[in-house]
Amino acid sequence: MPFTTPTSPMSRATPPLSPTCGGTPSRLAVAPASPSTPQCAIPASPHTPGRTGASTPQPPATPRTPRPEITLRQPSSKASQKRAPAAARKRPRALRAIRALLRSLPLIAPAACRPASALPRRYTRPHDGHEGGGARVTGTFYGHRRARITLAVQERPGSLPSLVLELGVPTGKLMQEISTGGHVRIALECEKKSKKSSPPEGGGGGVSLLEEAMWTAYVNGRRVGYAVRREATDGDLAVMQLLSTVSVGAGVLPGDVVDAPAGAEADGEVTYMRAGFDRVIGSKDSESFYMVNPEGAAGGGTELSIFFVRV
């Protein structure tokens, strides 16, 4: 009786054929993974090329400086122009004649009773020959350092600007010339329109000198481009409101108070310089503004003069 060795079920399994060995059984073939076999996945690093990871959190944006509420008052000159015609019509001619007669009578007072204001004064004449006596106004130069400088003229620090002029010179350059001391003269010239080109209803040149739209600007005799008159923007009014309690001084303001013009760089700060000016009207075609130096300034300070001329 022949003896047979029992075989196990594993020995009866036929190994898979290798596709590279011409049908020869291969014992190194790897069986496919079972669906129940857990797969080990390695998480990709955010720096792995070709993989878009989570975006890097950006720092919070700097909040914009809130603009103050505008409480500037209308200049008294414009308000009086609106009320003057109505008030003049109500005054009787006899009353106006009596008041004119009383004003023409001289007032004589004894020498011992004269007030200090009636005594003669000694004036310190600046080098430009100006002796004072003009109407006192407030002038402010301001703007971004690399942008064009703006000049705003007010009747007083708490009033709306009556003139906003944009000069064709960078703020930093003009501020540097003013800070060095000495004489700084700004001349603004415009062409006088002929009577033929003026409109007939304008009465032959009814535009006042400071209402001209464009000027040719000179600083100490050097031509620096043009100056353009424009209406006050929200940024201009915000600067005037922030400086409503400042009569004389210089400093910086937040850069987002005034919007930088197109093509200019906003360097984060708005430089300003404010002072009082004596306004002297020479004729209908010439006006001058002379900066008033604070009392006690060493060496008299900088002498800044602005001339408006129509030629």
Protein backbone atom coordinates (compact mmCIF):
# COMPACT_ATOMS: atom_id res chain seq x y z
CA MET A 1 0.00 0.00 0.00
CA PRO A 2 1.68 3.17 -1.09
CA PHE A 3 2.29 5.83 1.56
CA THR A 4 1.13 9.36 0.77
CA THR A 5 2.13 12.41 2.66
CA PRO A 6 -0.78 14.66 3.53
CA THR A 7 -0.48 18.10 2.10
CA SER A 8 -1.70 21.33 3.63
CA PRO A 9 -4.02 23.74 1.86
CA MET A 10 -1.17 26.23 1.56
CA SER A 11 0.97 23.75 -0.35
CA ARG A 12 -1.77 23.19 -2.87
CA ALA A 13 -2.05 26.91 -3.77
CA THR A 14 -0.49 27.75 -7.07
CA PRO A 15 1.81 30.72 -6.93
CA PRO A 16 1.04 33.56 -9.36
CA LEU A 17 2.96 33.80 -12.56
CA SER A 18 5.40 36.59 -13.06
CA PRO A 19 4.82 38.53 -16.29
CA THR A 20 8.56 38.91 -16.79
CA CYS A 21 9.64 35.35 -16.38
CA GLY A 22 7.75 33.71 -19.24
CA GLY A 23 5.20 31.96 -17.11
CA THR A 24 7.65 30.70 -14.43
CA PRO A 25 6.12 30.77 -10.99
CA SER A 26 7.54 33.58 -8.84
CA ARG A 27 7.53 33.41 -5.06
CA LEU A 28 8.40 37.13 -4.72
CA ALA A 29 5.13 38.46 -6.05
CA VAL A 30 3.25 40.65 -3.64
CA ALA A 31 -0.42 40.02 -3.19
CA PRO A 32 -2.72 43.03 -3.67
CA ALA A 33 -3.68 44.83 -0.51
CA SER A 34 -6.97 44.02 1.03
CA PRO A 35 -9.60 46.72 1.07
CA SER A 36 -9.71 46.41 4.83
CA THR A 37 -5.98 47.02 5.19
CA PRO A 38 -5.41 50.51 6.59
CA GLN A 39 -3.26 52.78 4.42
CA CYS A 40 -0.62 54.96 6.09
CA ALA A 41 -0.65 58.50 4.60
CA ILE A 42 2.07 61.05 5.38
CA PRO A 43 0.74 64.58 5.57
CA ALA A 44 2.38 66.93 3.08
CA SER A 45 4.42 69.84 4.39
CA PRO A 46 3.21 73.34 3.59
CA HIS A 47 6.57 73.92 1.91
CA THR A 48 6.17 70.91 -0.42
CA PRO A 49 6.46 72.09 -4.04
CA GLY A 50 3.33 71.75 -6.12
CA ARG A 51 0.97 71.76 -3.15
CA THR A 52 -1.11 74.80 -2.34
CA GLY A 53 -1.24 74.96 1.39
CA ALA A 54 -3.13 77.34 3.62
CA SER A 55 -2.44 81.04 2.89
CA THR A 56 -0.24 82.91 5.34
CA PRO A 57 -2.38 85.18 7.55
CA GLN A 58 -1.94 88.83 6.60
CA PRO A 59 -1.40 91.48 9.31
CA PRO A 60 -4.50 93.57 10.06
CA ALA A 61 -4.77 96.76 8.02
CA THR A 62 -4.10 100.04 9.79
CA PRO A 63 -7.42 101.76 10.55
CA ARG A 64 -8.01 105.02 8.73
CA THR A 65 -7.85 108.18 10.79
CA PRO A 66 -11.40 109.45 11.25
CA ARG A 67 -11.93 112.88 9.79
CA PRO A 68 -13.23 115.48 12.20
CA GLU A 69 -16.61 117.12 11.97
CA ILE A 70 -16.35 120.37 10.01
CA THR A 71 -17.41 123.33 12.16
CA LEU A 72 -15.63 126.09 10.23
CA ARG A 73 -17.56 129.34 9.91
CA GLN A 74 -18.22 131.41 6.83
CA PRO A 75 -15.84 134.39 6.44
CA SER A 76 -17.39 137.63 7.59
CA SER A 77 -16.46 139.33 4.32
CA LYS A 78 -18.71 137.04 2.28
CA ALA A 79 -21.49 137.22 4.85
CA SER A 80 -21.39 141.02 4.84
CA GLN A 81 -21.53 141.07 1.03
CA LYS A 82 -24.81 139.19 1.17
CA ARG A 83 -26.34 141.47 3.84
CA ALA A 84 -24.98 144.80 2.62
CA PRO A 85 -27.42 145.50 -0.25
CA ALA A 86 -30.54 144.87 1.85
CA ALA A 87 -29.23 146.94 4.77
CA ALA A 88 -28.21 149.82 2.52
CA ARG A 89 -31.68 150.09 1.02
CA LYS A 90 -33.32 150.37 4.46
CA ARG A 91 -31.16 153.26 5.67
CA PRO A 92 -32.71 156.67 5.01
CA ARG A 93 -30.57 159.20 3.24
CA ALA A 94 -30.91 161.79 6.03
CA LEU A 95 -29.54 159.40 8.66
CA ARG A 96 -26.56 158.53 6.47
CA ALA A 97 -25.81 162.22 5.90
CA ILE A 98 -25.91 163.01 9.64
CA ARG A 99 -23.60 160.11 10.48
CA ALA A 100 -21.15 161.17 7.77
CA LEU A 101 -21.15 164.72 9.17
CA LEU A 102 -20.43 163.51 12.71
CA ARG A 103 -17.59 161.33 11.54
CA SER A 104 -15.97 164.24 9.73
CA LEU A 105 -15.72 166.35 12.91
CA PRO A 106 -12.25 166.21 14.54
CA LEU A 107 -11.85 164.80 18.05
CA ILE A 108 -9.53 166.95 20.17
CA ALA A 109 -8.23 165.63 23.47
CA PRO A 110 -5.71 167.16 25.92
CA ALA A 111 -2.17 165.83 25.71
CA ALA A 112 -2.30 164.56 29.29
CA CYS A 113 -5.42 162.50 28.55
CA ARG A 114 -4.32 160.90 25.31
CA PRO A 115 -4.37 157.11 25.39
CA ALA A 116 -1.26 155.09 24.70
CA SER A 117 -2.68 153.99 21.35
CA ALA A 118 -2.66 157.61 20.12
CA LEU A 119 1.07 158.06 20.75
CA PRO A 120 3.42 157.58 17.79
CA ARG A 121 4.96 154.14 17.42
CA ARG A 122 8.31 153.02 16.14
CA TYR A 123 8.07 150.39 13.44
CA THR A 124 10.78 147.93 12.58
CA ARG A 125 10.82 147.97 8.80
CA PRO A 126 11.67 144.62 7.23
CA HIS A 127 14.08 144.40 4.34
CA ASP A 128 11.26 144.22 1.80
CA GLY A 129 9.99 147.67 2.76
CA HIS A 130 6.68 146.52 4.20
CA GLU A 131 5.58 148.52 7.26
CA GLY A 132 2.45 146.62 8.18
CA GLY A 133 -1.02 148.05 8.43
CA GLY A 134 -2.72 145.60 6.06
CA ALA A 135 -5.54 143.25 6.90
CA ARG A 136 -4.34 140.28 8.96
CA VAL A 137 -5.13 136.86 7.50
CA THR A 138 -3.99 133.29 8.20
CA GLY A 139 -1.95 131.34 5.65
CA THR A 140 -1.20 127.61 5.79
CA PHE A 141 1.23 125.59 3.66
CA TYR A 142 0.66 121.82 3.80
CA GLY A 143 0.96 118.60 1.81
CA HIS A 144 2.78 115.29 1.53
CA ARG A 145 6.54 115.68 1.35
CA ARG A 146 6.85 114.41 -2.25
CA ALA A 147 3.55 115.87 -3.47
CA ARG A 148 2.74 119.41 -4.54
CA ILE A 149 2.33 121.90 -1.74
CA THR A 150 -1.00 123.62 -1.10
CA LEU A 151 -1.56 127.16 0.18
CA ALA A 152 -4.81 127.96 1.98
CA VAL A 153 -5.70 131.51 3.01
CA GLN A 154 -8.28 132.10 5.75
CA GLU A 155 -9.73 135.19 7.33
CA ARG A 156 -9.03 133.60 10.73
CA PRO A 157 -8.04 130.08 11.84
CA GLY A 158 -11.65 129.00 12.47
CA SER A 159 -13.14 130.13 9.14
CA LEU A 160 -13.53 128.47 5.77
CA PRO A 161 -10.62 129.07 3.36
CA SER A 162 -11.19 131.91 0.92
CA LEU A 163 -8.32 130.80 -1.34
CA VAL A 164 -6.88 127.32 -2.00
CA LEU A 165 -3.88 127.34 -4.32
CA GLU A 166 -1.84 124.31 -5.41
CA LEU A 167 1.75 125.20 -6.30
CA GLY A 168 3.92 123.21 -8.69
CA VAL A 169 6.73 122.60 -6.18
CA PRO A 170 7.17 119.63 -3.79
CA THR A 171 6.27 120.26 -0.18
CA GLY A 172 9.61 119.08 1.18
CA LYS A 173 11.60 121.35 -1.11
CA LEU A 174 9.69 124.52 -0.24
CA MET A 175 9.67 123.71 3.46
CA GLN A 176 13.44 123.29 3.33
CA GLU A 177 13.90 126.72 1.76
CA ILE A 178 11.65 128.33 4.36
CA SER A 179 13.42 126.62 7.27
CA THR A 180 16.87 127.80 6.15
CA GLY A 181 15.91 131.41 6.96
CA GLY A 182 16.56 134.56 5.02
CA HIS A 183 14.31 135.87 2.27
CA VAL A 184 11.79 133.64 0.54
CA ARG A 185 9.75 135.36 -2.15
CA ILE A 186 6.96 133.60 -4.03
CA ALA A 187 5.74 135.47 -7.10
CA LEU A 188 2.58 134.42 -8.93
CA GLU A 189 1.89 136.02 -12.30
CA CYS A 190 -1.07 135.74 -14.63
CA GLU A 191 -1.87 137.36 -17.94
CA LYS A 192 -4.23 140.29 -18.10
CA LYS A 193 -7.15 139.56 -20.39
CA SER A 194 -7.86 142.12 -23.07
CA LYS A 195 -11.19 143.90 -23.22
CA LYS A 196 -12.01 142.25 -26.53
CA SER A 197 -11.65 138.73 -25.10
CA SER A 198 -13.63 139.52 -21.93
CA PRO A 199 -17.36 138.73 -21.96
CA PRO A 200 -19.66 141.74 -22.40
CA GLU A 201 -21.64 140.98 -19.26
CA GLY A 202 -18.45 140.95 -17.18
CA GLY A 203 -18.02 144.68 -17.52
CA GLY A 204 -14.53 144.41 -19.05
CA GLY A 205 -12.67 142.12 -16.66
CA GLY A 206 -14.96 141.50 -13.69
CA VAL A 207 -12.81 138.68 -12.28
CA SER A 208 -10.91 139.76 -9.20
CA LEU A 209 -7.20 139.12 -8.90
CA LEU A 210 -7.40 136.18 -6.48
CA GLU A 211 -10.12 134.50 -8.54
CA GLU A 212 -7.80 133.83 -11.47
CA ALA A 213 -7.60 130.13 -12.33
CA MET A 214 -3.90 129.67 -13.26
CA TRP A 215 -0.64 131.40 -12.39
CA THR A 216 3.02 131.13 -13.32
CA ALA A 217 4.95 130.49 -10.10
CA TYR A 218 8.44 131.75 -9.18
CA VAL A 219 10.37 131.05 -5.96
CA ASN A 220 13.25 133.47 -5.37
CA GLY A 221 13.33 134.28 -9.07
CA ARG A 222 13.35 130.64 -10.25
CA ARG A 223 10.40 129.39 -12.22
CA VAL A 224 8.92 126.30 -10.57
CA GLY A 225 5.95 125.65 -12.83
CA TYR A 226 2.36 126.70 -12.39
CA ALA A 227 -0.07 127.34 -9.57
CA VAL A 228 -3.74 126.38 -9.91
CA ARG A 229 -6.64 127.71 -7.90
CA ARG A 230 -9.17 125.03 -6.90
CA GLU A 231 -12.10 124.49 -4.62
CA ALA A 232 -11.47 123.13 -1.12
CA THR A 233 -11.82 119.35 -0.91
CA ASP A 234 -12.82 117.25 2.09
CA GLY A 235 -9.14 116.74 2.87
CA ASP A 236 -8.47 120.49 2.81
CA LEU A 237 -11.38 121.14 5.16
CA ALA A 238 -10.16 118.35 7.47
CA VAL A 239 -6.73 120.00 7.71
CA MET A 240 -8.32 123.39 8.43
CA GLN A 241 -10.52 121.82 11.10
CA LEU A 242 -7.61 120.06 12.82
CA LEU A 243 -5.68 123.34 12.86
CA SER A 244 -8.64 125.52 13.86
CA THR A 245 -7.07 126.21 17.26
CA VAL A 246 -3.56 126.85 15.90
CA SER A 247 -2.65 130.39 14.91
CA VAL A 248 1.12 129.98 14.38
CA GLY A 249 3.15 126.78 14.21
CA ALA A 250 4.54 123.89 12.18
CA GLY A 251 4.37 120.13 12.47
CA VAL A 252 2.93 116.97 10.91
CA LEU A 253 -0.54 115.44 10.59
CA PRO A 254 -1.63 111.85 9.83
CA GLY A 255 -0.97 111.01 6.21
CA ASP A 256 -4.48 109.74 5.44
CA VAL A 257 -6.10 113.05 6.34
CA VAL A 258 -5.29 114.36 2.85
CA ASP A 259 -5.62 112.00 -0.11
CA ALA A 260 -2.46 111.88 -2.17
CA PRO A 261 -3.01 112.97 -5.79
CA ALA A 262 -2.79 110.45 -8.60
CA GLY A 263 0.79 109.52 -9.42
CA ALA A 264 2.22 110.92 -6.17
CA GLU A 265 3.64 108.96 -3.28
CA ALA A 266 2.07 109.34 0.14
CA ASP A 267 4.96 109.00 2.59
CA GLY A 268 2.76 108.67 5.66
CA GLU A 269 2.79 112.26 6.95
CA VAL A 270 1.36 115.63 6.00
CA THR A 271 3.69 118.51 6.79
CA TYR A 272 2.19 121.91 7.56
CA MET A 273 3.32 125.42 8.44
CA ARG A 274 0.89 128.13 9.57
CA ALA A 275 1.51 131.82 10.18
CA GLY A 276 -0.18 135.20 10.08
CA PHE A 277 0.11 137.38 6.98
CA ASP A 278 -0.47 141.07 6.35
CA ARG A 279 -2.52 141.44 3.18
CA VAL A 280 -1.71 144.61 1.25
CA ILE A 281 -3.77 145.52 -1.83
CA GLY A 282 -1.71 147.67 -4.19
CA SER A 283 -4.23 147.86 -7.03
CA LYS A 284 -6.76 145.68 -8.80
CA ASP A 285 -3.83 143.90 -10.48
CA SER A 286 -1.45 143.45 -7.55
CA GLU A 287 -1.72 142.10 -4.01
CA SER A 288 0.93 141.06 -1.50
CA PHE A 289 1.02 138.86 1.59
CA TYR A 290 3.81 139.40 4.13
CA MET A 291 4.38 136.82 6.84
CA VAL A 292 4.33 138.21 10.37
CA ASN A 293 7.12 136.77 12.52
CA PRO A 294 6.26 135.99 16.15
CA GLU A 295 7.53 138.52 18.66
CA GLY A 296 10.85 137.60 20.20
CA ALA A 297 12.01 135.44 17.29
CA ALA A 298 15.79 135.21 17.16
CA GLY A 299 17.23 137.20 14.27
CA GLY A 300 13.79 138.14 13.03
CA GLY A 301 13.15 134.66 11.58
CA THR A 302 12.36 133.91 7.96
CA GLU A 303 10.89 136.66 5.78
CA LEU A 304 8.29 135.11 3.53
CA SER A 305 6.45 137.22 0.96
CA ILE A 306 3.83 136.19 -1.59
CA PHE A 307 3.07 138.46 -4.54
CA PHE A 308 0.07 138.20 -6.88
CA VAL A 309 0.55 140.20 -10.06
CA ARG A 310 -1.54 140.44 -13.20
CA VAL A 311 0.57 141.57 -16.17
